[in-house]
Amino acid sequence: MDRMYRVLGFWTGVMAVMFYLGDMKETALLFLAQTGFFVLVSYLKLSERMYMYIFGVYLTIFFAGFTYYTTFMLTPGFGE
């Protein structure tokens, strides 16, 4: 399970680089922080149950933040 967190760290790192190259610096920093979190947690040698709990908390925080952003901060019709 710790290897999957390294895989998540790799892909969030790739996304951070792509966001940085796309001149989206705030998003790149967010993904860089996620990369650091995933890589750090992957080396803690926790039980598989604890890794699942951490991932569940991560998803809960993400969905709450995403829902808040899309409901209250996103400008309607921004893609037109």
N, C-alpha and C. Protein backbone atom coordinates (compact mmCIF):
# COMPACT_ATOMS: atom_id res chain seq x y z
N MET A 1 0.83 -1.20 0.00
CA MET A 1 0.00 0.00 0.00
C MET A 1 0.86 1.25 0.00
N ASP A 2 2.03 1.18 0.62
CA ASP A 2 2.91 2.35 0.64
C ASP A 2 3.39 2.69 -0.77
N ARG A 3 3.51 1.69 -1.63
CA ARG A 3 3.92 1.95 -3.01
C ARG A 3 2.85 2.73 -3.77
N MET A 4 1.59 2.49 -3.45
CA MET A 4 0.53 3.23 -4.13
C MET A 4 0.56 4.71 -3.76
N TYR A 5 0.98 5.01 -2.53
CA TYR A 5 1.12 6.41 -2.15
C TYR A 5 2.28 7.06 -2.89
N ARG A 6 3.32 6.29 -3.17
CA ARG A 6 4.41 6.82 -4.00
C ARG A 6 3.95 7.05 -5.42
N VAL A 7 3.08 6.17 -5.93
CA VAL A 7 2.51 6.36 -7.26
C VAL A 7 1.65 7.62 -7.28
N LEU A 8 0.82 7.82 -6.24
CA LEU A 8 0.02 9.05 -6.15
C LEU A 8 0.93 10.27 -6.09
N GLY A 9 2.03 10.17 -5.34
CA GLY A 9 2.98 11.26 -5.27
C GLY A 9 3.61 11.55 -6.62
N PHE A 10 3.92 10.50 -7.37
CA PHE A 10 4.50 10.68 -8.70
C PHE A 10 3.53 11.43 -9.61
N TRP A 11 2.27 10.98 -9.64
CA TRP A 11 1.31 11.60 -10.56
C TRP A 11 0.93 13.01 -10.14
N THR A 12 0.84 13.27 -8.84
CA THR A 12 0.57 14.65 -8.43
C THR A 12 1.79 15.53 -8.72
N GLY A 13 2.99 14.95 -8.67
CA GLY A 13 4.19 15.69 -9.06
C GLY A 13 4.18 16.03 -10.54
N VAL A 14 3.77 15.07 -11.37
CA VAL A 14 3.66 15.32 -12.81
C VAL A 14 2.65 16.43 -13.07
N MET A 15 1.51 16.37 -12.38
CA MET A 15 0.51 17.42 -12.55
C MET A 15 1.01 18.77 -12.08
N ALA A 16 1.80 18.79 -10.99
CA ALA A 16 2.36 20.05 -10.51
C ALA A 16 3.27 20.67 -11.56
N VAL A 17 4.09 19.86 -12.20
CA VAL A 17 4.97 20.38 -13.26
C VAL A 17 4.16 20.90 -14.42
N MET A 18 3.13 20.16 -14.82
CA MET A 18 2.30 20.59 -15.94
C MET A 18 1.55 21.89 -15.62
N PHE A 19 1.04 22.01 -14.41
CA PHE A 19 0.38 23.26 -14.03
C PHE A 19 1.37 24.41 -14.00
N TYR A 20 2.58 24.16 -13.53
CA TYR A 20 3.60 25.22 -13.50
C TYR A 20 3.95 25.67 -14.92
N LEU A 21 4.11 24.71 -15.82
CA LEU A 21 4.43 25.06 -17.21
C LEU A 21 3.26 25.75 -17.89
N GLY A 22 2.06 25.50 -17.43
CA GLY A 22 0.87 26.15 -17.96
C GLY A 22 0.58 27.48 -17.30
N ASP A 23 1.52 27.99 -16.50
CA ASP A 23 1.43 29.29 -15.82
C ASP A 23 0.26 29.34 -14.84
N MET A 24 0.03 28.21 -14.15
CA MET A 24 -0.99 28.14 -13.10
C MET A 24 -0.26 27.87 -11.79
N LYS A 25 0.40 28.89 -11.27
CA LYS A 25 1.32 28.72 -10.16
C LYS A 25 0.65 28.32 -8.84
N GLU A 26 -0.53 28.85 -8.56
CA GLU A 26 -1.22 28.48 -7.32
C GLU A 26 -1.61 27.00 -7.32
N THR A 27 -2.13 26.54 -8.45
CA THR A 27 -2.50 25.14 -8.56
C THR A 27 -1.28 24.25 -8.51
N ALA A 28 -0.19 24.69 -9.11
CA ALA A 28 1.06 23.93 -9.07
C ALA A 28 1.55 23.78 -7.63
N LEU A 29 1.44 24.83 -6.83
CA LEU A 29 1.84 24.74 -5.43
C LEU A 29 0.93 23.80 -4.65
N LEU A 30 -0.35 23.81 -4.95
CA LEU A 30 -1.28 22.89 -4.30
C LEU A 30 -0.92 21.44 -4.59
N PHE A 31 -0.63 21.15 -5.85
CA PHE A 31 -0.27 19.78 -6.23
C PHE A 31 1.12 19.42 -5.71
N LEU A 32 2.01 20.37 -5.59
CA LEU A 32 3.32 20.10 -5.01
C LEU A 32 3.18 19.74 -3.53
N ALA A 33 2.28 20.41 -2.82
CA ALA A 33 2.02 20.08 -1.43
C ALA A 33 1.42 18.67 -1.31
N GLN A 34 0.52 18.32 -2.22
CA GLN A 34 -0.05 16.98 -2.21
C GLN A 34 1.03 15.94 -2.50
N THR A 35 1.96 16.26 -3.40
CA THR A 35 3.05 15.35 -3.70
C THR A 35 3.88 15.10 -2.45
N GLY A 36 4.23 16.17 -1.75
CA GLY A 36 5.00 16.02 -0.52
C GLY A 36 4.26 15.20 0.52
N PHE A 37 2.96 15.43 0.64
CA PHE A 37 2.15 14.67 1.60
C PHE A 37 2.15 13.19 1.27
N PHE A 38 1.89 12.84 0.01
CA PHE A 38 1.82 11.44 -0.38
C PHE A 38 3.17 10.73 -0.22
N VAL A 39 4.24 11.39 -0.61
CA VAL A 39 5.55 10.76 -0.49
C VAL A 39 5.93 10.61 0.98
N LEU A 40 5.65 11.61 1.78
CA LEU A 40 5.95 11.53 3.22
C LEU A 40 5.18 10.39 3.87
N VAL A 41 3.90 10.28 3.59
CA VAL A 41 3.08 9.24 4.20
C VAL A 41 3.52 7.86 3.71
N SER A 42 4.01 7.77 2.48
CA SER A 42 4.39 6.46 1.95
C SER A 42 5.57 5.85 2.69
N TYR A 43 6.40 6.66 3.30
CA TYR A 43 7.57 6.14 4.01
C TYR A 43 7.33 5.92 5.50
N LEU A 44 6.09 6.05 5.96
CA LEU A 44 5.80 5.87 7.38
C LEU A 44 5.62 4.41 7.78
N LYS A 45 5.49 3.51 6.80
CA LYS A 45 5.31 2.08 7.06
C LYS A 45 4.13 1.80 7.98
N LEU A 46 2.98 2.33 7.61
CA LEU A 46 1.76 2.14 8.38
C LEU A 46 1.06 0.85 7.95
N SER A 47 0.05 0.48 8.68
CA SER A 47 -0.74 -0.68 8.28
C SER A 47 -1.64 -0.29 7.10
N GLU A 48 -2.12 -1.31 6.39
CA GLU A 48 -2.97 -1.04 5.24
C GLU A 48 -4.26 -0.34 5.66
N ARG A 49 -4.78 -0.70 6.82
CA ARG A 49 -5.99 -0.06 7.32
C ARG A 49 -5.75 1.44 7.56
N MET A 50 -4.61 1.78 8.11
CA MET A 50 -4.30 3.20 8.37
C MET A 50 -4.14 3.97 7.06
N TYR A 51 -3.50 3.34 6.07
CA TYR A 51 -3.40 3.99 4.76
C TYR A 51 -4.80 4.25 4.17
N MET A 52 -5.71 3.33 4.34
CA MET A 52 -7.07 3.52 3.84
C MET A 52 -7.79 4.64 4.60
N TYR A 53 -7.59 4.71 5.91
CA TYR A 53 -8.19 5.79 6.69
C TYR A 53 -7.65 7.15 6.24
N ILE A 54 -6.34 7.23 6.03
CA ILE A 54 -5.73 8.49 5.58
C ILE A 54 -6.28 8.88 4.21
N PHE A 55 -6.41 7.91 3.32
CA PHE A 55 -6.95 8.21 2.00
C PHE A 55 -8.41 8.66 2.09
N GLY A 56 -9.18 8.05 2.97
CA GLY A 56 -10.57 8.46 3.16
C GLY A 56 -10.67 9.89 3.66
N VAL A 57 -9.82 10.26 4.59
CA VAL A 57 -9.80 11.64 5.09
C VAL A 57 -9.37 12.59 3.99
N TYR A 58 -8.38 12.20 3.20
CA TYR A 58 -7.93 13.02 2.08
C TYR A 58 -9.07 13.26 1.09
N LEU A 59 -9.81 12.20 0.73
CA LEU A 59 -10.92 12.36 -0.20
C LEU A 59 -12.04 13.22 0.38
N THR A 60 -12.32 13.08 1.68
CA THR A 60 -13.36 13.89 2.31
C THR A 60 -12.99 15.37 2.26
N ILE A 61 -11.76 15.69 2.59
CA ILE A 61 -11.31 17.09 2.55
C ILE A 61 -11.34 17.62 1.12
N PHE A 62 -10.90 16.79 0.15
CA PHE A 62 -10.92 17.22 -1.24
C PHE A 62 -12.34 17.52 -1.72
N PHE A 63 -13.26 16.59 -1.47
CA PHE A 63 -14.63 16.78 -1.94
C PHE A 63 -15.30 17.97 -1.27
N ALA A 64 -15.04 18.18 0.01
CA ALA A 64 -15.61 19.34 0.70
C ALA A 64 -15.05 20.64 0.10
N GLY A 65 -13.75 20.68 -0.14
CA GLY A 65 -13.13 21.87 -0.73
C GLY A 65 -13.59 22.10 -2.15
N PHE A 66 -13.68 21.04 -2.94
CA PHE A 66 -14.12 21.17 -4.33
C PHE A 66 -15.57 21.63 -4.41
N THR A 67 -16.41 21.08 -3.54
CA THR A 67 -17.82 21.48 -3.52
C THR A 67 -17.96 22.94 -3.11
N TYR A 68 -17.21 23.36 -2.11
CA TYR A 68 -17.24 24.77 -1.69
C TYR A 68 -16.80 25.67 -2.84
N TYR A 69 -15.70 25.30 -3.49
CA TYR A 69 -15.17 26.13 -4.59
C TYR A 69 -16.17 26.23 -5.74
N THR A 70 -16.73 25.11 -6.16
CA THR A 70 -17.64 25.15 -7.30
C THR A 70 -18.97 25.81 -6.96
N THR A 71 -19.37 25.77 -5.68
CA THR A 71 -20.64 26.36 -5.31
C THR A 71 -20.53 27.86 -5.07
N PHE A 72 -19.49 28.30 -4.39
CA PHE A 72 -19.43 29.69 -3.94
C PHE A 72 -18.39 30.55 -4.65
N MET A 73 -17.38 29.97 -5.27
CA MET A 73 -16.30 30.79 -5.82
C MET A 73 -16.21 30.76 -7.34
N LEU A 74 -16.67 29.71 -7.96
CA LEU A 74 -16.53 29.56 -9.42
C LEU A 74 -17.48 30.51 -10.14
N THR A 75 -16.95 31.23 -11.11
CA THR A 75 -17.76 32.16 -11.87
C THR A 75 -18.59 31.41 -12.91
N PRO A 76 -19.91 31.59 -12.91
CA PRO A 76 -20.74 30.88 -13.89
C PRO A 76 -20.39 31.31 -15.31
N GLY A 77 -20.31 30.36 -16.21
CA GLY A 77 -20.03 30.65 -17.62
C GLY A 77 -18.59 31.02 -17.88
N PHE A 78 -17.65 30.57 -17.05
CA PHE A 78 -16.26 30.97 -17.21
C PHE A 78 -15.62 30.32 -18.44
N GLY A 79 -16.15 29.22 -18.94
CA GLY A 79 -15.53 28.51 -20.05
C GLY A 79 -16.03 28.93 -21.42
N GLU A 80 -16.90 29.90 -21.48
CA GLU A 80 -17.46 30.29 -22.78
C GLU A 80 -16.63 31.33 -23.46
